Amino acid sequence: MEQINIEIAYAYPHSHYLKSFTLDAGTTVQTAILQSGILSQYTDIDLRRNKVGVFARPVKLTDVLKDGDRIEIYRPLLADPKEIRRKRAAQQAAQQKAKI
């Protein structure tokens, strides 16, 4: 059977996991993650909660990998970026009003 080379990446603010694997062609994202052993090494990864992508493009766990793909497992956001922008805008508006 034909083989493909892929990488799996997972990052923390001050460290990261990046490992290369050779798998059978036709392997899905989920199968590759399970076969990699990353889930036993990083117990905070929950494939029901963590989003995954290939080269920053969101993918489904059932998508089939191609040679050279890099699976990226994303950590959940700690804060909603939209909410942070709203709060910052409100603070700036309050500061401008206080200057007047």
Protein backbone atom coordinates (compact mmCIF):
# COMPACT_ATOMS: atom_id res chain seq x y z
CA MET A 1 0.00 0.00 0.00
CA GLU A 2 1.14 3.56 -0.71
CA GLN A 3 2.57 5.53 2.23
CA ILE A 4 2.25 9.25 3.00
CA ASN A 5 4.28 11.49 5.30
CA ILE A 6 2.44 13.83 7.67
CA GLU A 7 3.16 15.90 10.77
CA ILE A 8 1.09 16.49 13.88
CA ALA A 9 1.43 19.79 15.77
CA TYR A 10 0.09 20.90 19.14
CA ALA A 11 1.27 24.06 20.90
CA TYR A 12 1.26 25.63 24.33
CA PRO A 13 2.34 29.24 24.93
CA HIS A 14 5.91 28.18 25.82
CA SER A 15 6.33 24.74 24.27
CA HIS A 16 5.10 22.63 21.38
CA TYR A 17 4.76 19.11 20.04
CA LEU A 18 5.68 18.47 16.41
CA LYS A 19 6.25 14.96 15.15
CA SER A 20 6.45 13.35 11.71
CA PHE A 21 4.72 10.10 10.84
CA THR A 22 4.48 7.74 7.88
CA LEU A 23 0.97 6.36 7.40
CA ASP A 24 -1.02 4.45 4.81
CA ALA A 25 -2.60 6.54 2.07
CA GLY A 26 -6.30 7.07 2.79
CA THR A 27 -5.79 7.60 6.53
CA THR A 28 -8.23 10.05 8.12
CA VAL A 29 -7.29 12.90 10.43
CA GLN A 30 -8.80 11.13 13.45
CA THR A 31 -7.03 7.85 12.74
CA ALA A 32 -3.69 9.65 12.37
CA ILE A 33 -4.18 11.45 15.69
CA LEU A 34 -5.14 8.23 17.45
CA GLN A 35 -2.19 6.30 15.96
CA SER A 36 0.26 9.06 16.89
CA GLY A 37 -0.16 8.51 20.63
CA ILE A 38 -0.49 12.26 21.28
CA LEU A 39 -3.76 11.76 23.18
CA SER A 40 -2.00 9.72 25.88
CA GLN A 41 0.86 12.24 26.09
CA TYR A 42 -1.42 15.32 26.25
CA THR A 43 -4.49 14.36 28.24
CA ASP A 44 -6.00 17.86 27.87
CA ILE A 45 -6.76 17.14 24.19
CA ASP A 46 -10.40 16.17 23.68
CA LEU A 47 -11.25 15.62 20.02
CA ARG A 48 -14.90 16.43 20.77
CA ARG A 49 -13.83 19.89 21.99
CA ASN A 50 -10.53 20.75 20.32
CA LYS A 51 -10.74 21.91 16.73
CA VAL A 52 -8.28 20.57 14.18
CA GLY A 53 -6.89 21.91 10.95
CA VAL A 54 -4.40 21.21 8.21
CA PHE A 55 -2.06 24.15 7.56
CA ALA A 56 -4.44 26.54 9.41
CA ARG A 57 -7.46 25.40 7.38
CA PRO A 58 -10.21 23.83 9.53
CA VAL A 59 -10.88 20.17 8.70
CA LYS A 60 -13.17 17.42 9.90
CA LEU A 61 -11.85 14.37 11.71
CA THR A 62 -13.16 12.27 8.82
CA ASP A 63 -11.15 14.12 6.15
CA VAL A 64 -8.52 12.03 4.35
CA LEU A 65 -4.93 13.19 4.61
CA LYS A 66 -2.57 13.86 1.71
CA ASP A 67 1.18 13.47 1.58
CA GLY A 68 2.89 16.38 3.32
CA ASP A 69 -0.13 17.49 5.40
CA ARG A 70 0.43 18.93 8.89
CA ILE A 71 -2.41 18.28 11.33
CA GLU A 72 -2.75 21.09 13.85
CA ILE A 73 -4.70 20.51 17.04
CA TYR A 74 -5.98 23.81 18.43
CA ARG A 75 -6.47 24.61 22.11
CA PRO A 76 -9.79 26.20 23.08
CA LEU A 77 -9.76 29.99 23.30
CA LEU A 78 -9.57 31.37 26.82
CA ALA A 79 -11.49 34.51 25.87
CA ASP A 80 -13.77 35.50 23.01
CA PRO A 81 -11.87 37.96 20.78
CA LYS A 82 -15.08 39.82 19.91
CA GLU A 83 -15.88 40.36 23.58
CA ILE A 84 -12.35 41.64 24.25
CA ARG A 85 -12.68 44.17 21.39
CA ARG A 86 -16.08 45.33 22.72
CA LYS A 87 -14.66 45.89 26.21
CA ARG A 88 -11.63 47.75 24.83
CA ALA A 89 -13.87 50.00 22.70
CA ALA A 90 -16.09 50.75 25.71
CA GLN A 91 -13.04 51.62 27.83
CA GLN A 92 -11.67 53.93 25.13
CA ALA A 93 -15.07 55.62 24.76
CA ALA A 94 -15.24 56.14 28.53
CA GLN A 95 -11.72 57.64 28.53
CA GLN A 96 -12.62 60.00 25.71
CA LYS A 97 -15.77 61.07 27.54
CA ALA A 98 -13.79 61.68 30.74
CA LYS A 99 -11.41 64.00 28.87
CA ILE A 100 -14.27 66.23 27.71
